[in-house]
N, C-alpha and C. Protein backbone atom coordinates (compact mmCIF):
# COMPACT_ATOMS: atom_id res chain seq x y z
N MET A 1 100.67 85.81 111.51
CA MET A 1 101.77 86.66 111.47
C MET A 1 102.94 86.00 112.15
N ASN A 2 103.97 86.21 111.55
CA ASN A 2 105.26 85.65 112.13
C ASN A 2 106.24 86.84 112.41
N ASN A 3 107.50 86.32 112.77
CA ASN A 3 108.59 87.16 112.93
C ASN A 3 108.91 88.06 111.84
N SER A 4 108.67 87.71 110.59
CA SER A 4 109.01 88.54 109.48
C SER A 4 108.33 89.93 109.55
N TYR A 5 107.14 89.96 110.15
CA TYR A 5 106.54 91.28 110.34
C TYR A 5 107.36 92.25 111.19
N LEU A 6 107.75 91.77 112.28
CA LEU A 6 108.62 92.65 113.13
C LEU A 6 109.88 92.96 112.43
N THR A 7 110.62 92.16 111.77
CA THR A 7 111.86 92.33 111.13
C THR A 7 111.47 93.42 110.03
N SER A 8 110.44 93.23 109.27
CA SER A 8 110.06 94.13 108.20
C SER A 8 109.80 95.55 108.79
N VAL A 9 109.01 95.73 109.80
CA VAL A 9 108.65 96.89 110.39
C VAL A 9 109.99 97.69 110.78
N ILE A 10 110.89 96.95 111.38
CA ILE A 10 112.19 97.69 111.73
C ILE A 10 112.97 98.24 110.57
N LYS A 11 113.04 97.34 109.56
CA LYS A 11 113.70 97.78 108.31
C LYS A 11 112.87 98.85 107.69
N GLN A 12 111.47 98.92 107.70
CA GLN A 12 110.77 100.03 107.13
C GLN A 12 110.93 101.36 107.90
N PHE A 13 111.03 101.31 109.23
CA PHE A 13 111.37 102.49 110.06
C PHE A 13 112.76 102.95 109.73
N GLU A 14 113.74 102.05 109.64
CA GLU A 14 115.13 102.43 109.34
C GLU A 14 115.17 103.11 107.86
N TYR A 15 114.40 102.53 107.04
CA TYR A 15 114.38 103.12 105.62
C TYR A 15 113.82 104.61 105.67
N TYR A 16 112.71 104.82 106.35
CA TYR A 16 112.14 106.12 106.39
C TYR A 16 113.04 107.04 107.14
N LYS A 17 113.73 106.59 108.27
CA LYS A 17 114.63 107.42 108.83
C LYS A 17 115.79 107.90 107.91
N SER A 18 116.20 106.82 107.14
CA SER A 18 117.41 107.26 106.27
C SER A 18 116.88 108.16 105.15
N LEU A 19 115.70 108.22 104.81
CA LEU A 19 115.21 109.24 103.88
C LEU A 19 115.31 110.68 104.50
N GLY A 20 114.89 110.63 105.66
CA GLY A 20 114.88 111.94 106.45
C GLY A 20 116.37 112.41 106.69
N ASP A 21 117.18 111.43 107.11
CA ASP A 21 118.69 111.64 107.37
C ASP A 21 119.22 112.37 106.14
N ILE A 22 118.99 111.79 105.00
CA ILE A 22 119.71 112.29 103.76
C ILE A 22 119.05 113.45 103.28
N THR A 23 117.78 113.72 103.51
CA THR A 23 117.10 115.05 103.10
C THR A 23 117.70 116.06 104.06
N LEU A 24 117.64 115.88 105.35
CA LEU A 24 118.19 116.89 106.31
C LEU A 24 119.76 117.20 106.04
N SER A 25 120.49 116.25 105.65
CA SER A 25 121.92 116.49 105.37
C SER A 25 122.10 117.34 104.22
N GLN A 26 121.20 117.47 103.26
CA GLN A 26 121.36 118.16 102.11
C GLN A 26 121.01 119.68 102.23
N LEU A 27 120.44 120.03 103.38
CA LEU A 27 119.89 121.36 103.43
C LEU A 27 120.61 122.22 104.58
N THR A 28 120.40 123.63 104.36
CA THR A 28 120.96 124.60 105.38
C THR A 28 119.93 124.83 106.29
N LEU A 29 120.31 125.42 107.43
CA LEU A 29 119.31 125.78 108.53
C LEU A 29 118.17 126.62 107.91
N GLU A 30 118.58 127.71 107.14
CA GLU A 30 117.65 128.48 106.37
C GLU A 30 116.69 127.64 105.59
N GLU A 31 117.11 126.75 104.87
CA GLU A 31 116.30 125.90 104.00
C GLU A 31 115.34 125.01 104.85
N LEU A 32 115.88 124.55 106.03
CA LEU A 32 115.20 123.73 107.00
C LEU A 32 113.89 124.47 107.50
N GLN A 33 114.19 125.70 107.70
CA GLN A 33 113.11 126.69 108.36
C GLN A 33 112.19 127.43 107.25
N TRP A 34 112.38 127.10 105.93
CA TRP A 34 111.67 127.80 105.05
C TRP A 34 110.24 127.32 104.93
N GLN A 35 109.23 128.34 104.94
CA GLN A 35 107.78 128.04 104.86
C GLN A 35 107.19 128.77 103.70
N ALA A 36 106.42 128.13 102.87
CA ALA A 36 105.67 128.72 101.69
C ALA A 36 104.72 129.78 102.14
N ASN A 37 104.16 129.66 103.43
CA ASN A 37 103.36 130.67 103.98
C ASN A 37 103.21 130.35 105.43
N VAL A 38 102.45 131.24 106.15
CA VAL A 38 102.35 131.09 107.66
C VAL A 38 101.50 129.81 108.05
N GLU A 39 100.80 129.35 107.18
CA GLU A 39 100.08 128.15 107.45
C GLU A 39 100.67 126.78 107.13
N SER A 40 101.73 126.88 106.33
CA SER A 40 102.50 125.68 105.91
C SER A 40 103.58 125.37 106.94
N ASN A 41 104.03 124.18 107.02
CA ASN A 41 105.06 123.70 107.88
C ASN A 41 106.34 123.65 107.10
N SER A 42 107.41 124.09 107.78
CA SER A 42 108.83 123.95 107.30
C SER A 42 109.22 122.52 107.60
N ILE A 43 110.36 122.15 106.95
CA ILE A 43 110.88 120.86 107.35
C ILE A 43 111.25 120.85 108.81
N ALA A 44 111.82 121.78 109.34
CA ALA A 44 112.17 121.92 110.83
C ALA A 44 110.87 121.68 111.70
N ILE A 45 109.77 122.38 111.17
CA ILE A 45 108.54 121.93 112.02
C ILE A 45 108.07 120.54 111.97
N ILE A 46 108.19 120.05 110.68
CA ILE A 46 107.74 118.66 110.62
C ILE A 46 108.68 117.68 111.38
N VAL A 47 109.93 118.01 111.45
CA VAL A 47 110.82 117.28 112.39
C VAL A 47 110.38 117.39 113.76
N LYS A 48 110.12 118.58 114.20
CA LYS A 48 109.71 118.84 115.62
C LYS A 48 108.42 118.05 115.92
N HIS A 49 107.50 117.99 115.04
CA HIS A 49 106.23 117.25 115.17
C HIS A 49 106.48 115.80 115.30
N LEU A 50 107.35 115.29 114.32
CA LEU A 50 107.57 113.96 114.39
C LEU A 50 108.21 113.45 115.72
N VAL A 51 109.18 114.29 116.14
CA VAL A 51 109.89 114.00 117.37
C VAL A 51 108.92 114.05 118.55
N GLY A 52 108.04 115.02 118.62
CA GLY A 52 107.03 115.02 119.69
C GLY A 52 106.11 113.69 119.54
N ASN A 53 105.81 113.41 118.43
CA ASN A 53 104.97 112.28 118.31
C ASN A 53 105.67 110.94 118.74
N MET A 54 106.95 110.94 118.23
CA MET A 54 107.64 109.63 118.60
C MET A 54 107.83 109.62 120.22
N LEU A 55 108.30 110.56 120.66
CA LEU A 55 108.47 110.57 122.11
C LEU A 55 107.11 110.19 122.89
N SER A 56 106.24 110.78 122.60
CA SER A 56 104.80 110.42 123.16
C SER A 56 104.49 109.11 122.94
N ARG A 57 104.46 108.68 121.64
CA ARG A 57 103.93 107.24 121.34
C ARG A 57 104.76 106.15 121.94
N TRP A 58 106.11 106.27 121.79
CA TRP A 58 107.04 105.17 122.08
C TRP A 58 107.53 105.11 123.45
N THR A 59 107.45 106.13 124.16
CA THR A 59 107.78 106.16 125.75
C THR A 59 106.86 105.31 126.50
N ASN A 60 107.36 104.17 127.00
CA ASN A 60 106.47 103.20 127.75
C ASN A 60 105.34 102.69 126.87
N PHE A 61 105.69 102.45 125.68
CA PHE A 61 104.73 101.97 124.64
C PHE A 61 103.70 100.94 124.98
N LEU A 62 104.16 99.94 125.67
CA LEU A 62 103.37 98.79 126.05
C LEU A 62 102.51 99.06 127.32
N THR A 63 102.88 100.08 128.14
CA THR A 63 102.18 100.22 129.38
C THR A 63 101.52 101.55 129.60
N GLU A 64 101.69 102.61 128.72
CA GLU A 64 100.96 103.89 128.98
C GLU A 64 100.36 104.24 127.72
N ASP A 65 99.29 105.18 127.82
CA ASP A 65 98.68 105.82 126.70
C ASP A 65 99.70 106.49 125.84
N GLY A 66 99.59 106.34 124.47
CA GLY A 66 100.58 106.92 123.66
C GLY A 66 100.45 108.49 123.53
N GLU A 67 99.41 109.08 123.93
CA GLU A 67 99.15 110.48 124.02
C GLU A 67 99.61 110.87 125.41
N LYS A 68 100.83 111.22 125.68
CA LYS A 68 101.35 111.68 127.10
C LYS A 68 100.83 112.97 127.55
N ILE A 69 100.53 113.03 128.81
CA ILE A 69 100.00 114.29 129.41
C ILE A 69 101.13 115.43 129.18
N TRP A 70 102.32 115.06 129.11
CA TRP A 70 103.30 116.05 129.07
C TRP A 70 103.49 116.58 127.62
N ARG A 71 102.96 115.98 126.73
CA ARG A 71 103.10 116.45 125.22
C ARG A 71 102.34 117.70 125.01
N ASN A 72 102.98 118.59 124.44
CA ASN A 72 102.22 119.75 123.94
C ASN A 72 102.22 119.82 122.44
N ARG A 73 101.20 119.04 121.87
CA ARG A 73 101.38 119.09 120.41
C ARG A 73 101.23 120.31 119.59
N ASP A 74 100.50 121.30 120.05
CA ASP A 74 100.40 122.61 119.32
C ASP A 74 101.77 123.25 119.26
N GLN A 75 102.62 123.11 120.35
CA GLN A 75 104.03 123.78 120.20
C GLN A 75 104.84 123.11 119.28
N GLU A 76 104.49 121.90 118.98
CA GLU A 76 105.42 121.22 117.90
C GLU A 76 105.32 122.02 116.52
N PHE A 77 104.42 122.80 116.40
CA PHE A 77 104.21 123.58 114.98
C PHE A 77 104.60 124.97 115.18
N GLU A 78 105.56 125.27 116.20
CA GLU A 78 106.18 126.54 116.34
C GLU A 78 107.56 126.30 116.06
N ALA A 79 108.16 127.02 115.23
CA ALA A 79 109.63 126.93 114.73
C ALA A 79 110.48 127.43 116.01
N ASN A 80 111.45 126.71 116.31
CA ASN A 80 112.39 127.23 117.39
C ASN A 80 113.79 126.55 117.41
N PHE A 81 114.07 125.97 116.34
CA PHE A 81 115.60 125.30 116.24
C PHE A 81 116.38 126.51 116.03
N ASN A 82 117.61 126.39 116.68
CA ASN A 82 118.62 127.49 116.54
C ASN A 82 119.81 127.16 115.66
N SER A 83 119.91 125.82 115.36
CA SER A 83 120.92 125.29 114.58
C SER A 83 120.58 123.99 113.93
N ILE A 84 121.45 123.58 112.94
CA ILE A 84 121.22 122.31 112.35
C ILE A 84 121.40 121.18 113.38
N GLU A 85 122.44 121.34 114.19
CA GLU A 85 122.79 120.50 115.28
C GLU A 85 121.60 120.10 116.12
N ASP A 86 120.85 121.29 116.44
CA ASP A 86 119.63 121.06 117.27
C ASP A 86 118.54 120.26 116.52
N VAL A 87 118.49 120.44 115.16
CA VAL A 87 117.48 119.61 114.43
C VAL A 87 117.83 118.09 114.45
N PHE A 88 119.20 117.92 114.26
CA PHE A 88 119.55 116.50 114.12
C PHE A 88 119.59 115.92 115.55
N ALA A 89 119.85 116.55 116.60
CA ALA A 89 119.82 116.07 117.91
C ALA A 89 118.34 115.64 118.29
N ALA A 90 117.35 116.44 117.95
CA ALA A 90 116.02 116.19 118.17
C ALA A 90 115.50 114.97 117.32
N TRP A 91 115.95 114.93 116.17
CA TRP A 91 115.67 113.96 115.09
C TRP A 91 116.15 112.60 115.70
N GLU A 92 117.30 112.52 116.20
CA GLU A 92 118.04 111.29 116.68
C GLU A 92 117.41 110.87 117.90
N ASN A 93 117.02 111.81 118.84
CA ASN A 93 116.24 111.46 120.03
C ASN A 93 114.90 110.82 119.80
N GLY A 94 114.28 111.19 118.85
CA GLY A 94 112.88 110.67 118.54
C GLY A 94 113.08 109.27 117.98
N TRP A 95 113.96 109.17 117.00
CA TRP A 95 114.25 107.71 116.48
C TRP A 95 114.73 106.80 117.57
N ASN A 96 115.66 107.11 118.41
CA ASN A 96 116.25 106.32 119.45
C ASN A 96 115.08 105.93 120.25
N CYS A 97 114.06 106.75 120.74
CA CYS A 97 112.99 106.30 121.47
C CYS A 97 112.21 105.35 120.77
N LEU A 98 111.96 105.50 119.44
CA LEU A 98 111.15 104.49 118.72
C LEU A 98 111.93 103.17 118.85
N PHE A 99 113.13 103.12 118.26
CA PHE A 99 113.89 101.93 118.08
C PHE A 99 114.00 101.14 119.46
N ASN A 100 114.22 101.87 120.54
CA ASN A 100 114.22 101.24 121.96
C ASN A 100 113.01 100.65 122.34
N ALA A 101 111.87 101.16 121.87
CA ALA A 101 110.63 100.52 122.04
C ALA A 101 110.23 99.42 121.13
N VAL A 102 110.59 99.55 119.88
CA VAL A 102 110.10 98.55 118.86
C VAL A 102 110.97 97.25 118.83
N LYS A 103 112.29 97.53 118.97
CA LYS A 103 113.24 96.24 118.78
C LYS A 103 112.90 95.12 119.90
N PRO A 104 112.60 95.47 121.05
CA PRO A 104 112.23 94.29 122.07
C PRO A 104 110.93 93.74 121.91
N ILE A 105 110.04 94.28 120.96
CA ILE A 105 108.71 93.63 120.83
C ILE A 105 108.87 92.26 120.24
N CYS A 106 108.08 91.39 120.90
CA CYS A 106 108.18 89.97 120.43
C CYS A 106 106.81 89.68 119.75
N ILE A 107 106.61 88.40 119.14
CA ILE A 107 105.48 88.04 118.43
C ILE A 107 104.36 88.06 119.39
N GLU A 108 104.54 87.62 120.73
CA GLU A 108 103.48 87.44 121.73
C GLU A 108 102.74 88.82 121.99
N ASP A 109 103.56 89.87 121.79
CA ASP A 109 103.10 91.26 122.05
C ASP A 109 102.08 91.81 121.07
N LEU A 110 102.19 91.30 119.81
CA LEU A 110 101.56 91.91 118.59
C LEU A 110 100.00 92.10 118.85
N GLU A 111 99.37 91.04 119.58
CA GLU A 111 97.90 91.18 119.83
C GLU A 111 97.52 91.85 121.05
N ARG A 112 98.48 92.34 121.91
CA ARG A 112 98.17 93.07 123.05
C ARG A 112 97.39 94.34 122.69
N ILE A 113 96.77 94.91 123.54
CA ILE A 113 95.98 96.24 123.34
C ILE A 113 96.74 97.30 124.04
N ILE A 114 97.02 98.28 123.29
CA ILE A 114 97.66 99.57 123.85
C ILE A 114 96.65 100.59 123.58
N TYR A 115 96.82 101.74 124.03
CA TYR A 115 95.85 102.91 123.87
C TYR A 115 96.61 104.22 123.33
N ILE A 116 95.97 104.87 122.52
CA ILE A 116 96.20 106.20 122.04
C ILE A 116 95.16 107.07 122.21
N ARG A 117 95.18 107.97 123.15
CA ARG A 117 93.97 108.84 123.42
C ARG A 117 92.75 107.96 123.83
N ASN A 118 92.98 107.00 124.51
CA ASN A 118 91.89 106.07 125.05
C ASN A 118 91.37 105.16 124.05
N GLN A 119 91.89 105.22 122.85
CA GLN A 119 91.40 104.36 121.76
C GLN A 119 92.36 103.07 121.80
N GLY A 120 91.73 101.86 121.92
CA GLY A 120 92.48 100.61 121.83
C GLY A 120 92.98 100.25 120.53
N HIS A 121 94.11 99.91 120.43
CA HIS A 121 94.72 99.31 119.16
C HIS A 121 95.50 98.07 119.62
N THR A 122 95.46 97.19 118.63
CA THR A 122 96.57 96.07 118.99
C THR A 122 97.85 96.72 118.76
N VAL A 123 99.00 96.09 119.10
CA VAL A 123 100.33 96.50 119.03
C VAL A 123 100.55 96.65 117.55
N THR A 124 100.14 95.72 116.84
CA THR A 124 100.37 95.67 115.31
C THR A 124 99.66 96.96 114.65
N GLU A 125 98.53 97.19 115.09
CA GLU A 125 97.71 98.46 114.47
C GLU A 125 98.48 99.69 114.89
N ALA A 126 98.86 99.74 116.20
CA ALA A 126 99.57 100.96 116.62
C ALA A 126 100.89 101.19 115.91
N ILE A 127 101.60 100.07 115.66
CA ILE A 127 102.90 100.11 114.87
C ILE A 127 102.60 100.69 113.47
N ASN A 128 101.52 100.01 112.80
CA ASN A 128 101.22 100.45 111.46
C ASN A 128 100.75 101.81 111.35
N ARG A 129 99.98 102.28 112.43
CA ARG A 129 99.51 103.66 112.37
C ARG A 129 100.73 104.65 112.49
N GLN A 130 101.76 104.36 113.24
CA GLN A 130 102.84 105.35 113.36
C GLN A 130 103.78 105.18 112.13
N LEU A 131 103.90 103.90 111.49
CA LEU A 131 104.82 103.68 110.39
C LEU A 131 104.19 104.63 109.16
N THR A 132 102.84 104.60 109.08
CA THR A 132 102.33 105.36 107.85
C THR A 132 102.28 106.85 108.24
N HIS A 133 102.03 107.20 109.47
CA HIS A 133 102.22 108.66 109.73
C HIS A 133 103.65 109.25 109.63
N TYR A 134 104.62 108.47 109.82
CA TYR A 134 105.90 108.99 109.62
C TYR A 134 106.20 109.02 108.25
N ALA A 135 105.83 107.93 107.49
CA ALA A 135 106.10 107.98 105.95
C ALA A 135 105.40 109.12 105.29
N TYR A 136 104.25 109.41 105.80
CA TYR A 136 103.49 110.63 105.20
C TYR A 136 104.37 111.96 105.37
N HIS A 137 104.89 112.14 106.60
CA HIS A 137 105.50 113.30 106.93
C HIS A 137 106.98 113.37 106.33
N ILE A 138 107.59 112.16 106.26
CA ILE A 138 108.96 112.19 105.65
C ILE A 138 108.74 112.50 104.17
N GLY A 139 107.75 111.97 103.68
CA GLY A 139 107.45 112.36 102.22
C GLY A 139 107.34 113.83 101.97
N GLN A 140 106.74 114.48 102.96
CA GLN A 140 106.61 116.00 102.80
C GLN A 140 107.93 116.62 102.97
N MET A 141 108.78 115.98 103.87
CA MET A 141 110.14 116.59 103.94
C MET A 141 110.98 116.38 102.78
N VAL A 142 110.89 115.18 102.11
CA VAL A 142 111.66 114.99 100.91
C VAL A 142 111.09 115.84 99.77
N PHE A 143 109.93 116.05 99.67
CA PHE A 143 109.26 116.81 98.64
C PHE A 143 109.72 118.32 98.77
N LEU A 144 109.68 118.84 100.06
CA LEU A 144 110.09 120.23 100.25
C LEU A 144 111.55 120.31 99.97
N GLY A 145 112.37 119.34 100.38
CA GLY A 145 113.83 119.31 100.12
C GLY A 145 114.21 119.39 98.66
N LYS A 146 113.49 118.60 97.90
CA LYS A 146 113.69 118.54 96.51
C LYS A 146 113.34 119.90 95.89
N LEU A 147 112.30 120.46 96.34
CA LEU A 147 111.88 121.78 95.79
C LEU A 147 112.97 122.89 96.10
N LEU A 148 113.48 122.89 97.30
CA LEU A 148 114.41 123.80 97.74
C LEU A 148 115.77 123.72 96.99
N LYS A 149 116.19 122.40 96.82
CA LYS A 149 117.50 122.25 96.22
C LYS A 149 117.43 122.21 94.72
N SER A 150 116.32 121.95 94.21
CA SER A 150 116.22 122.10 92.65
C SER A 150 117.30 121.12 91.99
N ASN A 151 118.15 121.67 91.09
CA ASN A 151 118.99 120.87 90.35
C ASN A 151 120.09 120.25 91.30
N GLU A 152 120.44 120.84 92.49
CA GLU A 152 121.37 120.32 93.38
C GLU A 152 120.93 119.16 94.27
N TRP A 153 119.75 118.77 94.01
CA TRP A 153 119.11 117.70 95.00
C TRP A 153 119.81 116.29 94.61
N LYS A 154 120.12 115.59 95.47
CA LYS A 154 120.76 114.24 95.28
C LYS A 154 119.55 113.24 95.53
N SER A 155 119.11 112.63 94.47
CA SER A 155 118.02 111.71 94.42
C SER A 155 118.12 110.56 95.63
N LEU A 156 117.00 110.27 96.15
CA LEU A 156 116.86 109.34 97.19
C LEU A 156 116.41 107.81 96.62
N SER A 157 116.14 108.00 95.35
CA SER A 157 115.60 106.62 94.79
C SER A 157 116.40 106.54 93.41
N ILE A 158 115.55 106.01 92.44
CA ILE A 158 116.04 105.81 91.18
C ILE A 158 115.89 107.20 90.46
N PRO A 159 116.95 107.76 90.01
CA PRO A 159 116.89 109.15 89.52
C PRO A 159 116.22 109.09 88.11
N LYS A 160 115.51 110.10 87.68
CA LYS A 160 114.82 110.20 86.47
C LYS A 160 115.68 109.79 85.28
N GLY A 161 115.10 109.06 84.42
CA GLY A 161 115.91 108.58 83.23
C GLY A 161 116.79 107.41 83.49
N LYS A 162 116.80 106.84 84.78
CA LYS A 162 117.72 105.86 85.15
C LYS A 162 117.08 104.41 85.40
N SER A 163 115.62 104.39 85.19
CA SER A 163 114.89 103.27 85.54
C SER A 163 115.28 102.00 84.68
N LYS A 164 115.57 102.22 83.46
CA LYS A 164 115.91 101.12 82.61
C LYS A 164 117.37 100.42 83.07
N THR A 165 118.29 101.38 83.32
CA THR A 165 119.53 100.74 83.85
C THR A 165 119.42 100.12 85.22
N TYR A 166 118.62 100.69 86.14
CA TYR A 166 118.29 100.01 87.41
C TYR A 166 117.67 98.76 87.25
N ASN A 167 116.58 98.59 86.42
CA ASN A 167 115.98 97.43 86.31
C ASN A 167 116.98 96.28 85.51
N LEU A 168 117.71 96.53 84.63
CA LEU A 168 118.64 95.72 83.98
C LEU A 168 119.50 95.19 84.92
N GLU A 169 120.16 95.90 85.90
CA GLU A 169 120.97 95.50 86.96
C GLU A 169 120.22 94.47 87.96
N LYS A 170 119.01 94.87 88.41
CA LYS A 170 118.19 94.05 89.28
C LYS A 170 117.88 92.64 88.65
N PHE A 171 117.48 92.71 87.28
CA PHE A 171 117.18 91.44 86.69
C PHE A 171 118.25 90.72 86.18
N SER A 172 119.43 91.11 86.23
CA SER A 172 120.62 90.42 85.93
C SER A 172 121.08 89.45 87.10
N LYS A 173 120.41 89.56 88.31
CA LYS A 173 120.66 88.73 89.41
C LYS A 173 119.67 87.63 89.58
N GLU A 174 120.15 86.65 90.24
CA GLU A 174 119.17 85.56 90.61
C GLU A 174 118.07 86.06 91.54
N LYS A 175 116.92 85.25 91.49
CA LYS A 175 115.86 85.68 92.35
C LYS A 175 116.20 85.28 93.89
N GLU A 176 115.82 86.06 94.81
CA GLU A 176 116.12 85.72 96.11
C GLU A 176 115.16 86.50 97.04
N ILE A 177 114.97 86.02 98.20
CA ILE A 177 114.15 86.73 99.08
C ILE A 177 115.01 87.69 100.01
N ARG A 178 114.72 88.93 99.80
CA ARG A 178 115.47 89.95 100.55
C ARG A 178 114.33 91.11 100.83
N HIS A 179 114.76 92.02 101.75
CA HIS A 179 114.08 93.14 101.89
C HIS A 179 114.64 94.23 100.86
N PHE A 180 113.74 95.02 100.39
CA PHE A 180 114.15 96.02 99.24
C PHE A 180 115.19 97.02 99.77
N THR A 181 115.27 97.18 101.10
CA THR A 181 116.15 98.18 101.65
C THR A 181 117.62 97.45 101.90
N ASP A 182 117.83 96.14 101.61
CA ASP A 182 119.06 95.57 101.83
C ASP A 182 120.09 96.14 100.85
N ASP A 183 119.77 96.62 99.72
CA ASP A 183 120.80 97.16 98.72
C ASP A 183 121.09 98.70 98.92
N LEU A 184 120.29 99.37 99.95
CA LEU A 184 120.49 100.79 100.14
C LEU A 184 121.73 101.06 101.06
């Protein structure tokens, strides 16, 4: 494993954050708080859960268990944002914690053992665990946002019916090594 892993991980986290940013920016507070039923999560609740997870996992990432004693996971599933600004402030706080922890990691750290609920993970495993967890929940946010906005939804990827045009543009360029998010 080389430095390309760390560069790629940061770009992947940035990409998923951007999907969340764009989703959140398309919605009203009422839409962010919409729940299909009492057992389902609103986008606001998913944000609250992601932020709680990020703050717990990434605070003192290399030196403390990722499940902090101060975290109250069950409260993350209770809606309590009063404004869109509150949602965005929490969202940014979680991501800032993550990036402040991930960006200084070096190759030598990747095989270190860290703990989440007393279960040992290499740093690589812990990063991958969180990346996939966040992608899962951000996918839920995007799906809910698309359902709520219907025809007003601004696509976050290749819009329906535009794949051929997109591919023609991509294949008209010379081959090069780039991260897929470089064009976003």
